[in-house]
Amino acid sequence: MKIIEINKENLPERFDIELGVELFTMEVYYNQTGAFFTVDLYQYDNPEPLVLGEKLVLNQPLFRDIEDSRFPAPTLIPIDPSGKESRITWDNFGVTVFLVVDDGDE
């Protein structure tokens, strides 16, 4: 697993990331009213989004309800390696909760 480094102090943050053998662009947001994080996903160099506003839910893979061959092969999942957290919050994101790429290699 690989941690996707996100600086929550700079949100919204847009960056390119290699997932599997493809390059994607991700943008991470924080919704202050609802107190949750979301992700937008684009194929690299394509302005049309694959998905907008995917909510990060602890231990739930992103894009789990979408079947589309354009999406990345590895699983993106927010996890708490310590197992102590029950949800993602501003205070624990990037401290004890991380968005990781699970490509099946341990």
C-alpha atoms as a PDB file:
ATOM      1  CA  MET A   1       0.000   0.000   0.000  1.00  0.00           C
ATOM      2  CA  LYS A   2       1.104   3.516  -0.777  1.00  0.00           C
ATOM      3  CA  ILE A   3      -0.111   6.612   1.081  1.00  0.00           C
ATOM      4  CA  ILE A   4      -1.342   9.467  -1.095  1.00  0.00           C
ATOM      5  CA  GLU A   5       0.134  12.574   0.503  1.00  0.00           C
ATOM      6  CA  ILE A   6      -2.526  15.279   0.842  1.00  0.00           C
ATOM      7  CA  ASN A   7      -1.877  18.602   2.537  1.00  0.00           C
ATOM      8  CA  LYS A   8      -5.292  19.432   3.975  1.00  0.00           C
ATOM      9  CA  GLU A   9      -4.148  22.989   4.750  1.00  0.00           C
ATOM     10  CA  ASN A  10      -3.940  23.604   0.969  1.00  0.00           C
ATOM     11  CA  LEU A  11      -7.391  22.262   0.046  1.00  0.00           C
ATOM     12  CA  PRO A  12      -8.709  22.193  -2.532  1.00  0.00           C
ATOM     13  CA  GLU A  13      -5.575  20.436  -3.751  1.00  0.00           C
ATOM     14  CA  ARG A  14      -5.193  19.214  -7.334  1.00  0.00           C
ATOM     15  CA  PHE A  15      -2.430  16.800  -8.333  1.00  0.00           C
ATOM     16  CA  ASP A  16      -1.487  14.157 -10.879  1.00  0.00           C
ATOM     17  CA  ILE A  17      -1.009  10.589  -9.691  1.00  0.00           C
ATOM     18  CA  GLU A  18       0.027   7.344 -11.322  1.00  0.00           C
ATOM     19  CA  LEU A  19      -2.438   4.572 -10.490  1.00  0.00           C
ATOM     20  CA  GLY A  20      -1.554   1.228 -11.981  1.00  0.00           C
ATOM     21  CA  VAL A  21      -0.145   1.981 -15.420  1.00  0.00           C
ATOM     22  CA  GLU A  22      -2.169   5.139 -16.030  1.00  0.00           C
ATOM     23  CA  LEU A  23      -1.899   8.767 -15.007  1.00  0.00           C
ATOM     24  CA  PHE A  24      -4.887  10.483 -13.377  1.00  0.00           C
ATOM     25  CA  THR A  25      -5.626  13.894 -11.922  1.00  0.00           C
ATOM     26  CA  MET A  26      -7.247  14.086  -8.509  1.00  0.00           C
ATOM     27  CA  GLU A  27      -8.678  17.037  -6.668  1.00  0.00           C
ATOM     28  CA  VAL A  28      -9.427  16.796  -2.947  1.00  0.00           C
ATOM     29  CA  TYR A  29     -11.905  19.074  -1.173  1.00  0.00           C
ATOM     30  CA  TYR A  30     -13.170  19.546   2.361  1.00  0.00           C
ATOM     31  CA  ASN A  31     -16.848  20.322   2.905  1.00  0.00           C
ATOM     32  CA  GLN A  32     -16.911  22.434   6.069  1.00  0.00           C
ATOM     33  CA  THR A  33     -20.689  22.390   6.393  1.00  0.00           C
ATOM     34  CA  GLY A  34     -20.925  18.597   6.286  1.00  0.00           C
ATOM     35  CA  ALA A  35     -17.461  17.997   7.782  1.00  0.00           C
ATOM     36  CA  PHE A  36     -16.263  15.526   5.153  1.00  0.00           C
ATOM     37  CA  PHE A  37     -13.670  15.177   2.393  1.00  0.00           C
ATOM     38  CA  THR A  38     -14.418  14.514  -1.279  1.00  0.00           C
ATOM     39  CA  VAL A  39     -12.396  13.583  -4.351  1.00  0.00           C
ATOM     40  CA  ASP A  40     -12.823  14.465  -8.011  1.00  0.00           C
ATOM     41  CA  LEU A  41     -11.121  12.151 -10.506  1.00  0.00           C
ATOM     42  CA  TYR A  42     -10.049  12.844 -14.086  1.00  0.00           C
ATOM     43  CA  GLN A  43      -8.086  10.939 -16.680  1.00  0.00           C
ATOM     44  CA  TYR A  44      -4.842  12.836 -17.168  1.00  0.00           C
ATOM     45  CA  ASP A  45      -5.130  15.598 -19.803  1.00  0.00           C
ATOM     46  CA  ASN A  46      -8.899  15.146 -20.101  1.00  0.00           C
ATOM     47  CA  PRO A  47     -11.041  17.990 -18.740  1.00  0.00           C
ATOM     48  CA  GLU A  48     -14.144  15.766 -18.499  1.00  0.00           C
ATOM     49  CA  PRO A  49     -14.403  14.322 -14.968  1.00  0.00           C
ATOM     50  CA  LEU A  50     -14.780  10.616 -14.344  1.00  0.00           C
ATOM     51  CA  VAL A  51     -16.427  11.442 -11.029  1.00  0.00           C
ATOM     52  CA  LEU A  52     -17.094  14.561  -8.969  1.00  0.00           C
ATOM     53  CA  GLY A  53     -17.575  14.758  -5.210  1.00  0.00           C
ATOM     54  CA  GLU A  54     -16.806  11.155  -4.214  1.00  0.00           C
ATOM     55  CA  LYS A  55     -17.062  11.210  -0.399  1.00  0.00           C
ATOM     56  CA  LEU A  56     -14.245   9.634   1.589  1.00  0.00           C
ATOM     57  CA  VAL A  57     -15.659   7.082   4.025  1.00  0.00           C
ATOM     58  CA  LEU A  58     -13.353   5.245   6.404  1.00  0.00           C
ATOM     59  CA  ASN A  59     -12.468   1.723   5.192  1.00  0.00           C
ATOM     60  CA  GLN A  60     -14.699   2.051   2.098  1.00  0.00           C
ATOM     61  CA  PRO A  61     -13.031   1.930  -1.342  1.00  0.00           C
ATOM     62  CA  LEU A  62     -13.549   5.006  -3.491  1.00  0.00           C
ATOM     63  CA  PHE A  63     -15.604   4.525  -6.653  1.00  0.00           C
ATOM     64  CA  ARG A  64     -16.863   1.149  -5.333  1.00  0.00           C
ATOM     65  CA  ASP A  65     -20.274   1.603  -6.956  1.00  0.00           C
ATOM     66  CA  ILE A  66     -18.916   2.544 -10.389  1.00  0.00           C
ATOM     67  CA  GLU A  67     -18.172   0.013 -13.098  1.00  0.00           C
ATOM     68  CA  ASP A  68     -16.193   1.795 -15.794  1.00  0.00           C
ATOM     69  CA  SER A  69     -13.019   0.604 -17.512  1.00  0.00           C
ATOM     70  CA  ARG A  70     -11.602   4.145 -17.437  1.00  0.00           C
ATOM     71  CA  PHE A  71     -11.202   4.038 -13.641  1.00  0.00           C
ATOM     72  CA  PRO A  72      -7.891   3.080 -12.009  1.00  0.00           C
ATOM     73  CA  ALA A  73      -7.169  -0.591 -11.438  1.00  0.00           C
ATOM     74  CA  PRO A  74      -5.747  -0.203  -7.922  1.00  0.00           C
ATOM     75  CA  THR A  75      -8.179   0.385  -5.077  1.00  0.00           C
ATOM     76  CA  LEU A  76      -8.121   3.769  -3.340  1.00  0.00           C
ATOM     77  CA  ILE A  77      -9.264   3.509   0.246  1.00  0.00           C
ATOM     78  CA  PRO A  78      -9.123   5.759   3.330  1.00  0.00           C
ATOM     79  CA  ILE A  79      -7.842   3.710   6.258  1.00  0.00           C
ATOM     80  CA  ASP A  80      -6.704   4.065   9.838  1.00  0.00           C
ATOM     81  CA  PRO A  81      -3.823   1.596  10.274  1.00  0.00           C
ATOM     82  CA  SER A  82      -4.222   1.748  14.070  1.00  0.00           C
ATOM     83  CA  GLY A  83      -7.899   0.795  13.876  1.00  0.00           C
ATOM     84  CA  LYS A  84      -8.832   3.406  16.485  1.00  0.00           C
ATOM     85  CA  GLU A  85     -10.856   5.835  14.355  1.00  0.00           C
ATOM     86  CA  SER A  86     -14.529   5.347  13.491  1.00  0.00           C
ATOM     87  CA  ARG A  87     -14.817   8.137  10.908  1.00  0.00           C
ATOM     88  CA  ILE A  88     -12.715  10.619   8.958  1.00  0.00           C
ATOM     89  CA  THR A  89     -12.435  14.069  10.521  1.00  0.00           C
ATOM     90  CA  TRP A  90     -10.408  17.192   9.838  1.00  0.00           C
ATOM     91  CA  ASP A  91      -8.299  16.428  12.922  1.00  0.00           C
ATOM     92  CA  ASN A  92      -7.448  12.804  12.061  1.00  0.00           C
ATOM     93  CA  PHE A  93      -7.075  13.017   8.256  1.00  0.00           C
ATOM     94  CA  GLY A  94      -3.379  12.853   7.409  1.00  0.00           C
ATOM     95  CA  VAL A  95      -2.545  12.096  11.054  1.00  0.00           C
ATOM     96  CA  THR A  96      -4.087   8.687  11.803  1.00  0.00           C
ATOM     97  CA  VAL A  97      -6.322   8.310   8.715  1.00  0.00           C
ATOM     98  CA  PHE A  98      -4.726   8.149   5.269  1.00  0.00           C
ATOM     99  CA  LEU A  99      -5.890   7.751   1.686  1.00  0.00           C
ATOM    100  CA  VAL A 100      -3.943   4.797   0.332  1.00  0.00           C
ATOM    101  CA  VAL A 101      -3.463   3.000  -2.971  1.00  0.00           C
ATOM    102  CA  ASP A 102      -3.992  -0.734  -2.507  1.00  0.00           C
ATOM    103  CA  ASP A 103      -2.634  -2.410  -5.617  1.00  0.00           C
ATOM    104  CA  GLY A 104      -2.778  -5.846  -4.047  1.00  0.00           C
ATOM    105  CA  ASP A 105       0.944  -5.914  -3.208  1.00  0.00           C
ATOM    106  CA  GLU A 106       1.743  -6.144   0.474  1.00  0.00           C
END
